[in-house]
Amino acid sequence: MQLQYMVWSGTDPYENLALERYLLNNANDSCTLLLWQNDNTVVIGCNQNPWKECRTGLLQEEGVKDLPLTVTGGSMSPFLIHGRDTVYLSRLTRPARRGDVLLYRRDNGAYVLHRVYAVKAEGYTMVGDAQTALEPGIEADQIIAVVTAVQRKGKHMAPGSFWWEFFEHVWPRVLPVRHRILGLYS
C-alpha cells in the first residue's frame, strides 16, 4: 500500500468536500492524508442534527454561510437521494417563494425538508418531490432554513443549473401526473 499526503490550500468548503469525496471514492490501493482548512464552515455528519448540536444563531453571526446536511428519507427523490446527497442550508432572508426547498419544523416537532408548492395568506403549502399529497398551513415561524446549494451525485449544484431549475419550476407543475413519471423513473 502506498502512503501519500496532500496539502490543499483552497478554503472553499464546497471544493474541499468535493475533493475529499473524490479522493475517498478513487483511493484504489493508496492511503492519502489530505490536509485542508475551510473558511468559516461547519461540516455536519449524516447522523447529526445541527439544530440540536450547534448554536446555529451564533454560527450565522460569526459568518458561517451554509450548514451542510446529508439528506435522509426519500420524500425529495428523484432530486435528492437518501444518504447520497447533501444540502447546504442558510437562513431565509426573504419571503419564501414557490419552488424553494425549505427545512421546517412541523407542529409535532419533526424536521422536514420539502419544496414550497404554493404561497398563500394562511401560510405555505409544502410537498416532497416524490409526493403528491400537499401539506398546507406551514407558517413563516416554522421555517428554519432554505436550501442554497446541493451536492448531488457528487457534483455541486446551485440555482441556475439545469436540474435545479427543472425541479424548482417544472416539477411542481406536473404534480397531478407525478406518480406516473416516478414509476417510469424507478
Protein backbone atom coordinates (compact mmCIF):
# COMPACT_ATOMS: atom_id res chain seq x y z
CA MET A 1 0.00 0.00 0.00
CA GLN A 2 1.31 3.42 -0.96
CA LEU A 3 1.18 6.18 1.68
CA GLN A 4 0.97 9.76 0.48
CA TYR A 5 -0.17 13.14 1.72
CA MET A 6 -1.63 16.16 0.02
CA VAL A 7 -1.68 19.74 1.31
CA TRP A 8 -4.58 21.66 -0.22
CA SER A 9 -4.56 25.45 0.04
CA GLY A 10 -8.16 26.09 -1.04
CA THR A 11 -10.55 27.27 1.67
CA ASP A 12 -13.85 26.92 -0.23
CA PRO A 13 -15.81 24.27 1.68
CA TYR A 14 -17.66 23.08 -1.44
CA GLU A 15 -14.39 22.43 -3.29
CA ASN A 16 -12.73 20.88 -0.24
CA LEU A 17 -15.56 18.44 0.44
CA ALA A 18 -15.77 17.54 -3.26
CA LEU A 19 -12.02 16.86 -3.33
CA GLU A 20 -12.26 14.77 -0.18
CA ARG A 21 -15.12 12.74 -1.64
CA TYR A 22 -13.25 12.29 -4.93
CA LEU A 23 -10.12 11.03 -3.18
CA LEU A 24 -12.17 8.70 -1.00
CA ASN A 25 -14.04 7.22 -3.96
CA ASN A 26 -10.89 6.83 -6.10
CA ALA A 27 -8.36 5.69 -3.47
CA ASN A 28 -7.53 2.33 -5.13
CA ASP A 29 -4.67 0.82 -3.11
CA SER A 30 -3.23 4.06 -1.78
CA CYS A 31 -3.62 5.73 1.59
CA THR A 32 -3.82 9.53 1.27
CA LEU A 33 -3.78 12.03 4.10
CA LEU A 34 -5.48 15.21 2.93
CA LEU A 35 -4.67 18.38 4.86
CA TRP A 36 -7.01 21.29 4.26
CA GLN A 37 -8.77 24.11 6.06
CA ASN A 38 -12.15 25.63 5.32
CA ASP A 39 -13.29 29.20 5.57
CA ASN A 40 -15.86 29.65 8.36
CA THR A 41 -17.72 26.38 7.94
CA VAL A 42 -19.37 23.68 9.97
CA VAL A 43 -19.48 20.23 8.43
CA ILE A 44 -22.34 18.14 9.78
CA GLY A 45 -22.32 14.34 9.59
CA CYS A 46 -25.28 12.38 8.26
CA ASN A 47 -26.40 11.33 11.76
CA GLN A 48 -26.12 14.77 13.33
CA ASN A 49 -28.77 17.44 13.78
CA PRO A 50 -27.18 20.91 13.68
CA TRP A 51 -30.23 22.48 15.33
CA LYS A 52 -29.76 20.25 18.37
CA GLU A 53 -25.96 20.10 18.47
CA CYS A 54 -24.88 23.60 17.37
CA ARG A 55 -25.76 27.14 18.32
CA THR A 56 -26.84 27.97 14.77
CA GLY A 57 -27.63 31.60 15.59
CA LEU A 58 -24.05 32.12 16.76
CA LEU A 59 -22.68 30.33 13.70
CA GLN A 60 -24.55 32.71 11.42
CA GLU A 61 -23.44 35.74 13.47
CA GLU A 62 -19.84 34.54 13.07
CA GLY A 63 -20.17 34.42 9.29
CA VAL A 64 -20.78 30.73 8.63
CA LYS A 65 -22.72 30.94 5.39
CA ASP A 66 -24.17 27.47 4.86
CA LEU A 67 -24.71 24.42 7.02
CA PRO A 68 -24.35 21.11 5.14
CA LEU A 69 -26.82 18.37 5.95
CA THR A 70 -26.86 14.88 4.45
CA VAL A 71 -30.29 14.02 3.03
CA THR A 72 -32.19 11.36 4.95
CA GLY A 73 -35.50 9.94 3.82
CA GLY A 74 -36.97 9.54 0.36
CA SER A 75 -39.55 12.30 0.10
CA MET A 76 -37.32 14.54 -2.05
CA SER A 77 -36.32 11.95 -4.65
CA PRO A 78 -35.59 11.94 -7.53
CA PHE A 79 -33.84 15.31 -6.99
CA LEU A 80 -32.28 14.41 -3.64
CA ILE A 81 -31.45 10.84 -2.63
CA HIS A 82 -31.20 9.45 0.91
CA GLY A 83 -27.61 9.12 2.11
CA ARG A 84 -26.10 10.12 -1.24
CA ASP A 85 -26.78 13.84 -1.46
CA THR A 86 -26.06 16.82 0.77
CA VAL A 87 -27.98 20.08 1.02
CA TYR A 88 -26.49 23.40 2.10
CA LEU A 89 -28.79 25.41 4.31
CA SER A 90 -28.85 29.11 5.07
CA ARG A 91 -31.14 31.44 6.96
CA LEU A 92 -34.03 32.64 4.79
CA THR A 93 -33.59 36.40 4.41
CA ARG A 94 -36.51 36.99 2.04
CA PRO A 95 -40.06 35.67 1.79
CA ALA A 96 -40.13 32.05 0.61
CA ARG A 97 -41.43 31.53 -2.91
CA ARG A 98 -42.80 28.67 -4.96
CA GLY A 99 -40.10 26.14 -5.77
CA ASP A 100 -37.85 26.91 -2.77
CA VAL A 101 -36.71 23.89 -0.76
CA LEU A 102 -37.11 24.67 2.93
CA LEU A 103 -36.21 22.98 6.17
CA TYR A 104 -39.07 23.49 8.59
CA ARG A 105 -40.39 22.07 11.82
CA ARG A 106 -43.84 20.55 11.95
CA ASP A 107 -46.13 21.11 14.92
CA ASN A 108 -45.25 17.59 16.14
CA GLY A 109 -41.55 18.55 16.30
CA ALA A 110 -40.43 16.65 13.19
CA TYR A 111 -37.88 18.37 10.93
CA VAL A 112 -38.84 18.18 7.25
CA LEU A 113 -37.13 19.21 4.01
CA HIS A 114 -39.76 19.85 1.31
CA ARG A 115 -40.46 22.19 -1.57
CA VAL A 116 -42.85 25.18 -1.47
CA TYR A 117 -45.78 24.33 -3.71
CA ALA A 118 -47.85 27.45 -3.02
CA VAL A 119 -47.63 30.69 -1.06
CA LYS A 120 -50.95 31.82 0.44
CA ALA A 121 -52.08 34.30 3.08
CA GLU A 122 -52.72 31.41 5.51
CA GLY A 123 -49.20 30.03 5.08
CA TYR A 124 -47.08 27.89 2.81
CA THR A 125 -48.20 24.68 1.14
CA MET A 126 -45.34 22.16 1.03
CA VAL A 127 -44.76 18.91 -0.85
CA GLY A 128 -41.88 16.47 -1.22
CA ASP A 129 -40.63 15.89 -4.76
CA ALA A 130 -41.63 12.19 -4.50
CA GLN A 131 -45.08 13.01 -3.13
CA THR A 132 -48.46 14.13 -4.39
CA ALA A 133 -50.11 14.89 -1.02
CA LEU A 134 -49.90 18.58 -0.16
CA GLU A 135 -49.12 19.87 3.34
CA PRO A 136 -50.83 23.26 3.77
CA GLY A 137 -50.58 25.75 6.63
CA ILE A 138 -46.84 25.93 7.30
CA GLU A 139 -46.20 29.29 8.98
CA ALA A 140 -43.16 31.51 8.44
CA ASP A 141 -42.04 30.97 12.05
CA GLN A 142 -41.78 27.21 11.40
CA ILE A 143 -39.19 27.76 8.66
CA ILE A 144 -35.63 27.13 9.81
CA ALA A 145 -33.60 27.46 6.61
CA VAL A 146 -33.61 27.44 2.82
CA VAL A 147 -31.52 25.17 0.60
CA THR A 148 -28.97 27.33 -1.23
CA ALA A 149 -27.00 24.58 -2.97
CA VAL A 150 -26.74 20.80 -3.13
CA GLN A 151 -24.10 18.14 -3.62
CA ARG A 152 -25.99 15.77 -5.96
CA LYS A 153 -24.36 12.62 -7.32
CA GLY A 154 -21.04 14.05 -6.14
CA LYS A 155 -21.44 17.30 -8.08
CA HIS A 156 -22.08 20.77 -6.69
CA MET A 157 -25.33 22.26 -7.94
CA ALA A 158 -26.81 25.70 -7.31
CA PRO A 159 -29.58 27.91 -8.71
CA GLY A 160 -29.17 28.35 -12.44
CA SER A 161 -28.11 24.78 -13.17
CA PHE A 162 -30.40 22.71 -15.38
CA TRP A 163 -31.61 20.20 -12.78
CA TRP A 164 -32.06 22.87 -10.10
CA GLU A 165 -34.24 24.93 -12.44
CA PHE A 166 -36.13 21.84 -13.63
CA PHE A 167 -37.11 20.74 -10.13
CA GLU A 168 -37.82 24.29 -8.98
CA HIS A 169 -40.01 25.38 -11.90
CA VAL A 170 -41.19 22.37 -13.94
CA TRP A 171 -41.54 19.59 -11.35
CA PRO A 172 -44.18 21.35 -9.19
CA ARG A 173 -46.35 21.86 -12.29
CA VAL A 174 -46.57 18.11 -13.04
CA LEU A 175 -47.94 17.22 -9.58
CA PRO A 176 -51.13 15.57 -10.93
CA VAL A 177 -49.11 13.07 -13.01
CA ARG A 178 -46.01 12.90 -10.82
CA HIS A 179 -46.69 9.32 -9.64
CA ARG A 180 -46.71 8.12 -13.27
CA ILE A 181 -43.44 9.89 -14.03
CA LEU A 182 -41.84 8.48 -10.89
CA GLY A 183 -43.00 5.00 -11.94
CA LEU A 184 -41.02 5.39 -15.16
CA TYR A 185 -38.00 6.74 -13.26
CA SER A 186 -37.67 3.82 -10.85
